[in-house]
Protein backbone atom coordinates (compact mmCIF):
# COMPACT_ATOMS: atom_id res chain seq x y z
CA MET A 1 63.85 -20.85 12.98
CA ILE A 2 67.30 -21.45 10.84
CA ASP A 3 69.76 -24.46 10.31
CA TRP A 4 72.65 -22.90 10.32
CA ASN A 5 74.24 -26.11 8.97
CA SER A 6 71.71 -25.94 5.66
CA ILE A 7 73.25 -23.10 4.70
CA ASP A 8 76.10 -22.13 2.33
CA THR A 9 74.70 -18.88 0.81
CA VAL A 10 72.76 -15.97 2.64
CA LEU A 11 71.51 -13.49 0.43
CA LEU A 12 70.13 -10.33 1.52
CA ASP A 13 68.60 -7.26 0.33
CA MET A 14 69.56 -3.60 1.74
CA ASP A 15 66.46 -1.51 2.01
CA GLY A 16 63.96 -2.89 4.84
CA THR A 17 66.50 -5.61 5.63
CA LEU A 18 68.95 -4.13 6.52
CA LEU A 19 68.67 -0.51 6.87
CA ASP A 20 65.62 0.82 8.21
CA LEU A 21 63.18 1.67 5.28
CA HIS A 22 61.84 4.43 7.36
CA PHE A 23 64.20 7.10 4.98
CA ASP A 24 62.52 5.65 2.20
CA ASN A 25 59.60 6.03 2.80
CA TYR A 26 59.75 9.54 4.77
CA PHE A 27 61.92 10.49 1.21
CA TRP A 28 59.66 9.29 -1.29
CA VAL A 29 55.88 9.84 0.98
CA GLN A 30 56.71 13.51 2.44
CA HIS A 31 59.78 15.11 1.51
CA VAL A 32 59.98 14.42 -2.60
CA PRO A 33 56.22 16.05 -2.78
CA ARG A 34 56.92 18.44 -0.91
CA VAL A 35 60.18 19.61 -2.83
CA TYR A 36 57.66 19.00 -6.44
CA THR A 37 54.77 21.44 -5.28
CA GLU A 38 57.79 23.81 -3.93
CA THR A 39 59.80 23.85 -6.83
CA HIS A 40 57.34 23.52 -10.20
CA GLY A 41 54.71 26.41 -7.60
CA LEU A 42 51.64 23.55 -7.50
CA ASP A 43 49.15 23.87 -4.98
CA GLU A 44 48.90 20.69 -3.11
CA ALA A 45 45.52 19.22 -4.94
CA GLU A 46 47.39 19.66 -8.78
CA SER A 47 50.55 18.39 -6.72
CA THR A 48 48.77 15.32 -5.25
CA ALA A 49 46.58 14.51 -8.59
CA ARG A 50 50.39 14.77 -10.80
CA LEU A 51 52.17 12.32 -8.20
CA GLU A 52 49.08 10.26 -8.04
CA THR A 53 49.62 9.49 -11.98
CA ALA A 54 53.16 9.94 -12.01
CA PHE A 55 53.37 6.90 -9.51
CA ASN A 56 50.65 5.20 -10.82
CA ILE A 57 53.02 2.77 -12.87
CA GLU A 58 53.82 -0.81 -12.23
CA GLN A 59 55.85 -1.87 -8.67
CA GLY A 60 58.61 -4.10 -9.40
CA THR A 61 59.89 -3.14 -12.66
CA LEU A 62 63.02 -1.04 -12.97
CA ASP A 63 61.67 1.89 -13.35
CA TRP A 64 60.15 2.06 -10.58
CA TYR A 65 63.40 1.98 -8.62
CA SER A 66 65.41 4.13 -11.01
CA LEU A 67 66.80 7.12 -9.64
CA ASP A 68 67.48 8.82 -13.20
CA TYR A 69 63.36 7.56 -14.09
CA TRP A 70 62.32 9.70 -10.98
CA SER A 71 64.91 12.72 -11.42
CA ASP A 72 63.14 12.45 -15.20
CA ARG A 73 59.54 11.85 -14.64
CA LEU A 74 59.65 14.92 -11.97
CA GLN A 75 62.04 17.22 -13.32
CA LEU A 76 63.54 16.81 -10.07
CA ASP A 77 67.69 15.73 -9.12
CA ILE A 78 66.13 12.77 -7.63
CA PRO A 79 70.04 11.66 -6.41
CA ALA A 80 70.73 15.15 -5.24
CA LEU A 81 67.52 15.08 -2.86
CA THR A 82 68.88 11.52 -1.60
CA HIS A 83 72.03 12.65 -1.03
CA GLU A 84 71.12 15.63 1.10
CA MET A 85 69.16 13.65 3.28
CA ARG A 86 71.46 11.04 3.22
CA HIS A 87 71.45 11.68 7.46
CA MET A 88 68.65 10.14 7.34
CA VAL A 89 69.93 6.71 6.88
CA SER A 90 70.42 4.11 9.58
CA MET A 91 70.55 -0.05 9.93
CA ARG A 92 68.39 -1.81 11.77
CA PRO A 93 69.47 -3.36 15.27
CA PHE A 94 71.77 -6.09 15.34
CA ALA A 95 71.99 -6.05 11.49
CA GLU A 96 75.59 -5.15 11.29
CA GLU A 97 76.67 -7.68 14.43
CA PHE A 98 74.70 -10.13 11.54
CA LEU A 99 76.80 -9.65 8.84
CA GLN A 100 80.16 -9.63 11.02
CA ARG A 101 78.64 -13.23 12.24
CA LEU A 102 78.33 -14.67 8.86
CA HIS A 103 81.56 -13.07 7.49
CA ALA A 104 83.55 -14.98 9.97
CA SER A 105 81.30 -18.68 9.31
CA HIS A 106 83.10 -18.29 6.21
CA ARG A 107 79.06 -18.17 4.02
CA ASP A 108 79.01 -16.97 0.81
CA VAL A 109 77.28 -12.96 1.76
CA VAL A 110 75.44 -11.27 -1.44
CA MET A 111 73.87 -8.27 -1.42
CA VAL A 112 71.29 -8.50 -4.13
CA THR A 113 69.40 -4.73 -4.17
CA ASN A 114 66.66 -3.63 -6.39
CA ALA A 115 68.33 0.11 -5.44
CA HIS A 116 69.64 2.24 -8.21
CA ARG A 117 73.40 2.18 -8.13
CA LYS A 118 73.28 5.99 -7.30
CA THR A 119 71.31 5.29 -4.33
CA LEU A 120 72.86 2.14 -3.09
CA ASP A 121 76.69 4.18 -3.43
CA ILE A 122 74.58 7.33 -1.55
CA LYS A 123 74.39 5.03 1.32
CA MET A 124 76.95 3.17 1.28
CA GLY A 125 79.04 6.70 1.90
CA HIS A 126 76.77 7.20 4.95
CA ILE A 127 77.01 3.66 6.13
CA ASP A 128 79.91 1.23 4.48
CA ILE A 129 78.35 -2.51 5.17
CA THR A 130 79.89 -3.62 1.75
CA GLY A 131 83.30 -5.34 2.95
CA TRP A 132 80.96 -7.69 4.97
CA PHE A 133 80.02 -9.27 1.55
CA ASP A 134 81.57 -11.42 -0.56
CA ARG A 135 79.73 -9.43 -3.98
CA VAL A 136 76.99 -6.74 -4.06
CA VAL A 137 74.33 -7.35 -6.76
CA VAL A 138 72.55 -4.55 -8.15
CA SER A 139 69.13 -5.62 -10.35
CA HIS A 140 69.41 -2.59 -12.99
CA GLU A 141 72.88 -4.61 -13.74
CA LEU A 142 71.18 -7.38 -14.57
CA ASP A 143 68.72 -5.68 -16.54
CA ALA A 144 66.41 -7.18 -13.93
CA PRO A 145 64.57 -6.24 -10.68
CA LYS A 146 64.47 -9.82 -8.46
CA GLU A 147 60.51 -9.91 -9.08
CA GLN A 148 61.40 -11.09 -12.21
CA GLN A 149 62.92 -14.88 -12.79
CA ALA A 150 65.46 -13.51 -14.84
CA PHE A 151 66.96 -12.30 -11.86
CA TRP A 152 67.80 -15.32 -10.18
CA HIS A 153 69.20 -17.16 -13.38
CA ARG A 154 71.27 -13.46 -14.00
CA LEU A 155 72.07 -14.12 -10.54
CA GLN A 156 73.24 -17.69 -10.91
CA ASP A 157 75.12 -17.08 -13.90
CA LEU A 158 77.21 -14.23 -12.29
CA HIS A 159 77.48 -15.85 -9.13
CA PRO A 160 76.99 -19.63 -8.72
CA PHE A 161 74.93 -20.90 -5.81
CA ASN A 162 72.71 -24.36 -4.88
CA PRO A 163 69.22 -22.75 -3.98
CA ALA A 164 68.42 -25.67 -1.44
CA ARG A 165 71.07 -24.65 0.63
CA THR A 166 70.54 -21.13 0.37
CA LEU A 167 68.96 -18.82 2.47
CA LEU A 168 67.35 -14.77 0.99
CA ILE A 169 65.95 -12.37 3.78
CA ASP A 170 64.47 -9.73 2.09
CA ASP A 171 61.09 -7.89 2.94
CA THR A 172 58.99 -7.81 -0.04
CA GLU A 173 57.04 -10.77 -0.35
CA ARG A 174 56.55 -10.81 -4.57
CA VAL A 175 60.69 -10.81 -4.38
CA LEU A 176 60.25 -14.16 -1.61
CA ASP A 177 57.30 -15.06 -3.74
CA SER A 178 60.17 -15.38 -6.73
CA ALA A 179 62.72 -16.62 -5.19
CA ARG A 180 60.72 -19.52 -4.02
CA ASP A 181 59.88 -20.22 -7.82
CA TYR A 182 63.07 -20.17 -8.82
CA GLY A 183 63.56 -22.53 -5.59
CA ILE A 184 65.79 -21.03 -3.24
CA ALA A 185 64.82 -23.51 0.25
CA HIS A 186 64.80 -20.88 2.69
CA LEU A 187 63.05 -17.74 2.96
CA LEU A 188 62.58 -15.63 5.69
CA THR A 189 61.19 -11.67 5.95
CA LEU A 190 60.91 -9.03 8.16
CA LEU A 191 58.03 -7.99 10.17
CA GLN A 192 58.97 -4.35 10.62
CA PRO A 193 61.04 -2.95 7.90
CA ASP A 194 60.30 0.44 8.62
CA SER A 195 60.83 1.59 12.64
CA GLN A 196 58.15 3.95 13.31
CA ARG A 197 55.42 2.23 11.55
CA GLN A 198 53.13 -0.62 12.91
CA LYS A 199 54.51 -4.47 12.86
CA ARG A 200 53.24 -6.33 10.18
CA ILE A 201 51.29 -9.34 11.13
CA ASP A 202 50.18 -10.64 8.02
CA THR A 203 53.53 -12.04 6.38
CA ARG A 204 53.01 -15.25 4.01
CA PHE A 205 56.69 -16.11 5.12
CA PRO A 206 58.32 -16.94 8.01
CA GLY A 207 59.63 -13.48 9.63
CA ILE A 208 62.16 -11.83 12.47
CA HIS A 209 61.65 -8.71 14.20
CA HIS A 210 65.64 -8.40 14.58
CA PHE A 211 68.39 -10.08 13.54
CA ASP A 212 69.16 -11.50 17.10
CA GLU A 213 66.33 -14.15 17.01
CA ILE A 214 69.04 -15.81 13.92
CA MET A 215 72.02 -14.86 14.97
CA PRO A 216 74.42 -17.60 13.25
CA GLY A 217 76.54 -18.85 16.02
CA GLU A 218 79.77 -17.61 17.22
CA PRO A 219 82.85 -19.21 15.05
CA GLN A 220 85.06 -21.96 16.59
CA PRO A 221 88.16 -20.95 17.07
């Protein structure tokens, strides 16, 4: 599936790609609503209505990914809640071996994440994989999410790469669309970002189940 001889730079998403998206889905779909209801003394119907209104912002914006935004909007300490649940953060199968192989191959390996810096710090405080990367890039610090062309242009200015020889692996197809429009030639998605949900069968980009399907070869001695 991947011709590694054609790849110099590997851009990797975090949530749903390297890390199991189950944490995020559980946190936002179950845990936050439960805490919101209890904290604000609401019945379930009113809580659901308020949260539906709050969550009715456009996905793919910086606010959507911002812990500070949601703390203010929901009047909850979202970073503290994330920290309390950090034990649920887990890596996807074969992800660490994949990173080790990439690192040993001397390719340029960059994490590109829409996750808020506070989210990143909390998760990496539990499972620190940052040492396998040449750089970690947070979209908030480029003032544009990966769904927007501005992100890729600013990434190019910050960390130059050849789009024709770059591989991006990301579980969000809107991000892959944006990367394709920018000119990134090699695009791959994950078929089961959340290990507790069904495998996706309708992806518009080539997909893998686990990283052992595309593992780079062992480095030559």
